[in-house]
C-alpha atoms as a PDB file:
ATOM      1  CA  MET A   1       0.000   0.000   0.000  1.00  0.00           C
ATOM      2  CA  ASN A   2       1.261   3.442  -0.922  1.00  0.00           C
ATOM      3  CA  PRO A   3       1.986   5.468   2.278  1.00  0.00           C
ATOM      4  CA  LEU A   4       0.341   8.447   0.615  1.00  0.00           C
ATOM      5  CA  ASP A   5      -2.864   6.414   0.291  1.00  0.00           C
ATOM      6  CA  GLY A   6      -2.887   5.824   4.027  1.00  0.00           C
ATOM      7  CA  GLN A   7      -2.122   9.469   4.705  1.00  0.00           C
ATOM      8  CA  LEU A   8      -4.891  10.596   2.338  1.00  0.00           C
ATOM      9  CA  LYS A   9      -7.357   8.186   3.940  1.00  0.00           C
ATOM     10  CA  GLU A  10      -6.519   9.513   7.407  1.00  0.00           C
ATOM     11  CA  GLU A  11      -6.918  13.102   6.213  1.00  0.00           C
ATOM     12  CA  ILE A  12     -10.331  12.317   4.693  1.00  0.00           C
ATOM     13  CA  LEU A  13     -11.480  10.593   7.896  1.00  0.00           C
ATOM     14  CA  ASN A  14     -10.378  13.586   9.968  1.00  0.00           C
ATOM     15  CA  ILE A  15     -12.282  15.957   7.676  1.00  0.00           C
ATOM     16  CA  VAL A  16     -15.429  13.793   7.858  1.00  0.00           C
ATOM     17  CA  LYS A  17     -15.244  13.662  11.659  1.00  0.00           C
ATOM     18  CA  ALA A  18     -14.752  17.416  11.882  1.00  0.00           C
ATOM     19  CA  VAL A  19     -17.649  18.130   9.526  1.00  0.00           C
ATOM     20  CA  CYS A  20     -20.028  15.747  11.350  1.00  0.00           C
ATOM     21  CA  ALA A  21     -19.107  17.078  14.794  1.00  0.00           C
ATOM     22  CA  THR A  22     -19.356  20.740  13.756  1.00  0.00           C
ATOM     23  CA  PHE A  23     -22.567  20.280  11.765  1.00  0.00           C
ATOM     24  CA  THR A  24     -24.289  18.425  14.626  1.00  0.00           C
ATOM     25  CA  LYS A  25     -23.435  21.211  17.064  1.00  0.00           C
ATOM     26  CA  GLU A  26     -24.468  23.991  14.690  1.00  0.00           C
ATOM     27  CA  TYR A  27     -27.684  22.275  13.604  1.00  0.00           C
ATOM     28  CA  THR A  28     -28.805  21.630  17.188  1.00  0.00           C
ATOM     29  CA  LYS A  29     -28.152  25.257  18.114  1.00  0.00           C
ATOM     30  CA  ALA A  30     -29.889  26.633  15.010  1.00  0.00           C
ATOM     31  CA  TYR A  31     -32.892  24.329  15.451  1.00  0.00           C
ATOM     32  CA  VAL A  32     -33.428  25.293  19.102  1.00  0.00           C
ATOM     33  CA  LEU A  33     -33.122  29.004  18.265  1.00  0.00           C
ATOM     34  CA  GLY A  34     -35.530  28.501  15.369  1.00  0.00           C
ATOM     35  CA  LEU A  35     -38.117  26.872  17.622  1.00  0.00           C
ATOM     36  CA  ILE A  36     -37.816  29.715  20.143  1.00  0.00           C
ATOM     37  CA  LYS A  37     -38.239  32.348  17.407  1.00  0.00           C
ATOM     38  CA  LYS A  38     -41.265  30.539  15.966  1.00  0.00           C
ATOM     39  CA  ALA A  39     -42.880  30.361  19.407  1.00  0.00           C
ATOM     40  CA  GLU A  40     -42.252  34.082  19.939  1.00  0.00           C
ATOM     41  CA  ASP A  41     -43.662  34.961  16.505  1.00  0.00           C
ATOM     42  CA  ASP A  42     -46.743  32.808  17.090  1.00  0.00           C
ATOM     43  CA  ALA A  43     -47.330  34.442  20.484  1.00  0.00           C
ATOM     44  CA  GLN A  44     -47.215  37.936  18.951  1.00  0.00           C
ATOM     45  CA  GLU A  45     -49.694  37.218  16.184  1.00  0.00           C
ATOM     46  CA  GLU A  46     -52.997  39.011  16.508  1.00  0.00           C
ATOM     47  CA  PRO A  47     -55.961  36.628  16.772  1.00  0.00           C
ATOM     48  CA  VAL A  48     -57.933  36.489  13.531  1.00  0.00           C
ATOM     49  CA  GLU A  49     -61.686  36.309  13.900  1.00  0.00           C
ATOM     50  CA  TRP A  50     -62.304  35.095  10.359  1.00  0.00           C
ATOM     51  CA  LYS A  51     -59.868  33.105   8.271  1.00  0.00           C
ATOM     52  CA  LEU A  52     -60.222  31.379   4.925  1.00  0.00           C
ATOM     53  CA  LEU A  53     -59.611  27.658   4.961  1.00  0.00           C
ATOM     54  CA  GLU A  54     -56.469  26.540   3.150  1.00  0.00           C
ATOM     55  CA  ARG A  55     -56.799  24.018   0.368  1.00  0.00           C
ATOM     56  CA  PRO A  56     -55.301  20.708   1.547  1.00  0.00           C
ATOM     57  CA  GLU A  57     -52.164  19.631  -0.262  1.00  0.00           C
ATOM     58  CA  ASP A  58     -52.681  16.976  -2.910  1.00  0.00           C
ATOM     59  CA  THR A  59     -50.589  14.016  -1.754  1.00  0.00           C
ATOM     60  CA  SER A  60     -51.661  11.550  -4.448  1.00  0.00           C
ATOM     61  CA  ASP A  61     -48.938   9.823  -6.463  1.00  0.00           C
ATOM     62  CA  ILE A  62     -48.017  11.420  -9.803  1.00  0.00           C
ATOM     63  CA  LYS A  63     -47.122   8.265 -11.726  1.00  0.00           C
ATOM     64  CA  ALA A  64     -46.528   4.562 -11.109  1.00  0.00           C
ATOM     65  CA  GLY A  65     -45.533   1.564 -13.210  1.00  0.00           C
ATOM     66  CA  TYR A  66     -42.913  -1.035 -14.040  1.00  0.00           C
ATOM     67  CA  LEU A  67     -39.442  -0.118 -15.274  1.00  0.00           C
ATOM     68  CA  THR A  68     -36.232  -2.115 -15.513  1.00  0.00           C
ATOM     69  CA  LYS A  69     -33.210  -0.573 -13.816  1.00  0.00           C
ATOM     70  CA  GLU A  70     -29.524  -1.385 -13.699  1.00  0.00           C
ATOM     71  CA  GLY A  71     -28.155  -2.192 -10.253  1.00  0.00           C
ATOM     72  CA  GLY A  72     -25.736   0.185  -8.572  1.00  0.00           C
ATOM     73  CA  LEU A  73     -23.152  -2.336  -7.325  1.00  0.00           C
ATOM     74  CA  PHE A  74     -23.990  -5.435  -9.347  1.00  0.00           C
ATOM     75  CA  LYS A  75     -24.770  -4.324 -12.889  1.00  0.00           C
ATOM     76  CA  SER A  76     -27.683  -6.710 -13.410  1.00  0.00           C
ATOM     77  CA  TRP A  77     -31.043  -5.524 -14.741  1.00  0.00           C
ATOM     78  CA  LYS A  78     -34.118  -6.002 -12.571  1.00  0.00           C
ATOM     79  CA  LYS A  79     -37.750  -5.092 -13.064  1.00  0.00           C
ATOM     80  CA  ARG A  80     -39.070  -2.779 -10.356  1.00  0.00           C
ATOM     81  CA  TRP A  81     -42.328  -0.963  -9.603  1.00  0.00           C
ATOM     82  CA  PHE A  82     -41.603   2.785  -9.616  1.00  0.00           C
ATOM     83  CA  VAL A  83     -43.759   5.383  -7.873  1.00  0.00           C
ATOM     84  CA  VAL A  84     -43.333   9.138  -8.400  1.00  0.00           C
ATOM     85  CA  ARG A  85     -44.565  10.795  -5.193  1.00  0.00           C
ATOM     86  CA  TYR A  86     -46.383  14.119  -4.926  1.00  0.00           C
ATOM     87  CA  ASN A  87     -43.189  15.710  -3.499  1.00  0.00           C
ATOM     88  CA  HIS A  88     -41.158  14.476  -6.526  1.00  0.00           C
ATOM     89  CA  PHE A  89     -39.225  11.811  -4.661  1.00  0.00           C
ATOM     90  CA  VAL A  90     -39.206   8.485  -6.532  1.00  0.00           C
ATOM     91  CA  ASP A  91     -39.581   5.192  -4.651  1.00  0.00           C
ATOM     92  CA  TYR A  92     -39.106   1.792  -6.237  1.00  0.00           C
ATOM     93  CA  PHE A  93     -40.302  -1.591  -4.979  1.00  0.00           C
ATOM     94  CA  ALA A  94     -39.806  -5.255  -5.828  1.00  0.00           C
ATOM     95  CA  ASP A  95     -43.287  -5.315  -7.392  1.00  0.00           C
ATOM     96  CA  GLU A  96     -46.688  -3.602  -7.331  1.00  0.00           C
ATOM     97  CA  LYS A  97     -47.895  -5.782  -4.441  1.00  0.00           C
ATOM     98  CA  ALA A  98     -45.009  -4.592  -2.233  1.00  0.00           C
ATOM     99  CA  ALA A  99     -45.834  -0.974  -3.076  1.00  0.00           C
ATOM    100  CA  ASN A 100     -49.475  -1.447  -2.016  1.00  0.00           C
ATOM    101  CA  ALA A 101     -48.707  -3.230   1.250  1.00  0.00           C
ATOM    102  CA  ALA A 102     -50.106  -1.866   4.523  1.00  0.00           C
ATOM    103  CA  LYS A 103     -46.686  -0.505   5.430  1.00  0.00           C
ATOM    104  CA  PRO A 104     -44.801  -0.281   2.124  1.00  0.00           C
ATOM    105  CA  LYS A 105     -41.039  -0.345   2.397  1.00  0.00           C
ATOM    106  CA  PRO A 106     -39.271   0.703  -0.822  1.00  0.00           C
ATOM    107  CA  LYS A 107     -36.113  -1.021  -1.965  1.00  0.00           C
ATOM    108  CA  GLY A 108     -34.757   2.440  -2.709  1.00  0.00           C
ATOM    109  CA  THR A 109     -35.626   6.121  -3.011  1.00  0.00           C
ATOM    110  CA  MET A 110     -34.322   8.494  -5.671  1.00  0.00           C
ATOM    111  CA  THR A 111     -33.716  12.060  -4.477  1.00  0.00           C
ATOM    112  CA  LEU A 112     -33.252  13.865  -7.772  1.00  0.00           C
ATOM    113  CA  ALA A 113     -32.354  17.437  -6.804  1.00  0.00           C
ATOM    114  CA  GLY A 114     -29.410  18.403  -9.033  1.00  0.00           C
ATOM    115  CA  TYR A 115     -29.983  15.584 -11.560  1.00  0.00           C
ATOM    116  CA  HIS A 116     -30.955  15.765 -15.216  1.00  0.00           C
ATOM    117  CA  VAL A 117     -32.287  13.206 -17.698  1.00  0.00           C
ATOM    118  CA  VAL A 118     -30.348  11.971 -20.736  1.00  0.00           C
ATOM    119  CA  ALA A 119     -32.790  10.392 -23.181  1.00  0.00           C
ATOM    120  CA  ASP A 120     -29.982   8.547 -25.062  1.00  0.00           C
ATOM    121  CA  PRO A 121     -27.345   7.424 -22.545  1.00  0.00           C
ATOM    122  CA  ASN A 122     -25.032   6.026 -25.243  1.00  0.00           C
ATOM    123  CA  ASP A 123     -24.813   9.440 -26.891  1.00  0.00           C
ATOM    124  CA  GLY A 124     -24.440  11.139 -23.501  1.00  0.00           C
ATOM    125  CA  ILE A 125     -21.525   8.935 -22.436  1.00  0.00           C
ATOM    126  CA  ILE A 126     -19.718   9.493 -25.759  1.00  0.00           C
ATOM    127  CA  LYS A 127     -20.098  13.272 -25.373  1.00  0.00           C
ATOM    128  CA  ARG A 128     -18.727  13.192 -21.820  1.00  0.00           C
ATOM    129  CA  LEU A 129     -15.762  11.041 -22.886  1.00  0.00           C
ATOM    130  CA  THR A 130     -15.049  13.332 -25.827  1.00  0.00           C
ATOM    131  CA  THR A 131     -15.124  16.400 -23.574  1.00  0.00           C
ATOM    132  CA  LEU A 132     -12.812  14.697 -21.060  1.00  0.00           C
ATOM    133  CA  ALA A 133     -10.406  13.587 -23.810  1.00  0.00           C
ATOM    134  CA  GLU A 134     -10.213  17.124 -25.179  1.00  0.00           C
ATOM    135  CA  LYS A 135      -9.458  18.538 -21.724  1.00  0.00           C
ATOM    136  CA  MET A 136      -6.692  15.965 -21.184  1.00  0.00           C
ATOM    137  CA  GLY A 137      -5.284  16.264 -24.712  1.00  0.00           C
ATOM    138  CA  VAL A 138      -5.976  12.582 -25.453  1.00  0.00           C
ATOM    139  CA  ASN A 139      -7.120  11.187 -28.789  1.00  0.00           C
ATOM    140  CA  VAL A 140     -10.682   9.956 -28.232  1.00  0.00           C
ATOM    141  CA  ASN A 141      -9.957   6.967 -30.522  1.00  0.00           C
ATOM    142  CA  ASP A 142      -7.359   5.759 -28.003  1.00  0.00           C
ATOM    143  CA  ILE A 143      -9.969   5.503 -25.248  1.00  0.00           C
ATOM    144  CA  PRO A 144     -11.700   2.094 -24.835  1.00  0.00           C
ATOM    145  CA  LYS A 145     -15.218   2.121 -26.220  1.00  0.00           C
ATOM    146  CA  PRO A 146     -17.833   2.539 -23.481  1.00  0.00           C
ATOM    147  CA  LYS A 147     -20.564   0.071 -22.672  1.00  0.00           C
ATOM    148  CA  GLN A 148     -23.559   0.269 -25.003  1.00  0.00           C
ATOM    149  CA  TYR A 149     -26.976   0.380 -23.350  1.00  0.00           C
ATOM    150  CA  PRO A 150     -29.986  -1.356 -24.916  1.00  0.00           C
ATOM    151  CA  PRO A 151     -32.716   0.561 -26.766  1.00  0.00           C
ATOM    152  CA  LEU A 152     -35.432   2.271 -24.685  1.00  0.00           C
ATOM    153  CA  THR A 153     -32.870   3.070 -21.963  1.00  0.00           C
ATOM    154  CA  PHE A 154     -32.559   6.542 -20.459  1.00  0.00           C
ATOM    155  CA  GLU A 155     -30.135   7.905 -17.884  1.00  0.00           C
ATOM    156  CA  VAL A 156     -30.858  10.004 -14.799  1.00  0.00           C
ATOM    157  CA  HIS A 157     -27.479  11.705 -14.508  1.00  0.00           C
ATOM    158  CA  HIS A 158     -25.553  13.582 -11.835  1.00  0.00           C
ATOM    159  CA  TYR A 159     -21.980  14.739 -12.340  1.00  0.00           C
ATOM    160  CA  ARG A 160     -20.717  13.437  -8.971  1.00  0.00           C
ATOM    161  CA  ARG A 161     -23.405  11.144  -7.561  1.00  0.00           C
ATOM    162  CA  ARG A 162     -24.830   7.789  -8.610  1.00  0.00           C
ATOM    163  CA  CYS A 163     -26.241   7.755 -12.132  1.00  0.00           C
ATOM    164  CA  TRP A 164     -29.357   5.680 -12.807  1.00  0.00           C
ATOM    165  CA  PHE A 165     -29.852   3.708 -16.029  1.00  0.00           C
ATOM    166  CA  ILE A 166     -33.483   2.768 -16.569  1.00  0.00           C
ATOM    167  CA  GLN A 167     -35.229   0.904 -19.375  1.00  0.00           C
ATOM    168  CA  ALA A 168     -38.870   1.351 -20.408  1.00  0.00           C
ATOM    169  CA  GLU A 169     -41.096  -1.201 -22.132  1.00  0.00           C
ATOM    170  CA  ASN A 170     -41.797   0.786 -25.312  1.00  0.00           C
ATOM    171  CA  GLU A 171     -41.226   4.187 -26.911  1.00  0.00           C
ATOM    172  CA  GLU A 172     -44.427   5.782 -25.597  1.00  0.00           C
ATOM    173  CA  ASP A 173     -43.723   4.476 -22.093  1.00  0.00           C
ATOM    174  CA  LYS A 174     -40.182   5.840 -22.290  1.00  0.00           C
ATOM    175  CA  LYS A 175     -41.396   9.290 -23.349  1.00  0.00           C
ATOM    176  CA  GLN A 176     -43.859   9.472 -20.448  1.00  0.00           C
ATOM    177  CA  TRP A 177     -41.280   8.365 -17.889  1.00  0.00           C
ATOM    178  CA  VAL A 178     -38.601  10.711 -19.249  1.00  0.00           C
ATOM    179  CA  ASP A 179     -41.086  13.594 -18.864  1.00  0.00           C
ATOM    180  CA  ALA A 180     -41.904  12.469 -15.305  1.00  0.00           C
ATOM    181  CA  PHE A 181     -38.249  12.201 -14.290  1.00  0.00           C
ATOM    182  CA  GLU A 182     -37.420  15.565 -15.878  1.00  0.00           C
ATOM    183  CA  THR A 183     -40.172  17.140 -13.758  1.00  0.00           C
ATOM    184  CA  CYS A 184     -38.754  15.475 -10.637  1.00  0.00           C
ATOM    185  CA  CYS A 185     -35.251  16.755 -11.429  1.00  0.00           C
ATOM    186  CA  ARG A 186     -36.579  20.308 -11.731  1.00  0.00           C
ATOM    187  CA  ARG A 187     -38.849  20.303  -8.693  1.00  0.00           C
ATOM    188  CA  ALA A 188     -37.334  17.871  -6.187  1.00  0.00           C
ATOM    189  CA  TRP A 189     -35.971  19.245  -2.918  1.00  0.00           C
ATOM    190  CA  GLY A 190     -32.820  17.911  -1.335  1.00  0.00           C
ATOM    191  CA  LEU A 191     -34.651  17.652   1.986  1.00  0.00           C
ATOM    192  CA  ARG A 192     -37.612  15.313   2.415  1.00  0.00           C
ATOM    193  CA  ASN A 193     -38.615  17.028   5.659  1.00  0.00           C
ATOM    194  CA  GLN A 194     -40.174  20.357   4.631  1.00  0.00           C
ATOM    195  CA  ASP A 195     -40.657  21.708   8.160  1.00  0.00           C
ATOM    196  CA  GLU A 196     -39.628  25.385   7.936  1.00  0.00           C
ATOM    197  CA  VAL A 197     -37.658  25.378  11.199  1.00  0.00           C
ATOM    198  CA  HIS A 198     -35.755  22.264  10.101  1.00  0.00           C
ATOM    199  CA  LYS A 199     -34.954  23.710   6.657  1.00  0.00           C
ATOM    200  CA  GLN A 200     -33.672  26.986   8.056  1.00  0.00           C
ATOM    201  CA  ALA A 201     -31.625  25.199  10.727  1.00  0.00           C
ATOM    202  CA  PHE A 202     -30.167  22.779   8.159  1.00  0.00           C
ATOM    203  CA  TYR A 203     -28.945  25.476   5.768  1.00  0.00           C
ATOM    204  CA  GLU A 204     -27.719  27.681   8.605  1.00  0.00           C
ATOM    205  CA  ALA A 205     -25.755  24.700  10.007  1.00  0.00           C
ATOM    206  CA  ILE A 206     -24.149  24.105   6.602  1.00  0.00           C
ATOM    207  CA  ARG A 207     -23.156  27.774   6.378  1.00  0.00           C
ATOM    208  CA  ARG A 208     -21.746  27.811   9.910  1.00  0.00           C
ATOM    209  CA  THR A 209     -19.928  24.483   9.421  1.00  0.00           C
ATOM    210  CA  ARG A 210     -18.179  25.757   6.292  1.00  0.00           C
ATOM    211  CA  TRP A 211     -17.306  28.981   8.092  1.00  0.00           C
ATOM    212  CA  GLU A 212     -15.913  27.177  11.157  1.00  0.00           C
ATOM    213  CA  LEU A 213     -13.805  24.786   9.053  1.00  0.00           C
ATOM    214  CA  GLY A 214     -12.715  27.387   6.499  1.00  0.00           C
ATOM    215  CA  ARG A 215     -14.108  25.416   3.540  1.00  0.00           C
ATOM    216  CA  TRP A 216     -15.926  27.730   1.167  1.00  0.00           C
ATOM    217  CA  GLY A 217     -14.803  26.324  -2.185  1.00  0.00           C
ATOM    218  CA  TRP A 218     -16.950  24.110  -4.360  1.00  0.00           C
END
């Protein structure tokens, strides 16, 4: 083992520990202060004699159906029942029966904030390789040819997180699912919990953590 590898690993572990410890402290502080401020604001509100009822949020699922996805670790293809939730998170289950169970437990959840959809993954991979080769001054013909994905496959891509390769049953099905995933990529939040105090505390803790550790770069 290269000594530098061990040194790099230790440095990464130290950074992770520092970030976790600092974030936990800052989040707890920001959350408590947020709760206190909310209580004070609520106490100062003037009582309203008449108030219009708010329309309840529509929590029905946007879309559901079978798709075949490539595994993350083992690159086998498996058919899964996908459900696009009202909040634009995407759950997938072993089958439709598992999704409709009394207490459904998804095999995975896709949080798509920051993602985008590539309708033709083969073309997308070639473009990324070509761009990389040009930056490195390498002849693209000298690079091994990438894996070719079967027809009706689309990619849900992120530049530094897991990329999802998903196959539809036919062209019309693919078009509908690509549209659904594109909507999720545009509208999904990074946080599932939309409590206002939690959101403000979370982002404040990130800001304070970066400030405390002197890490403002991307």
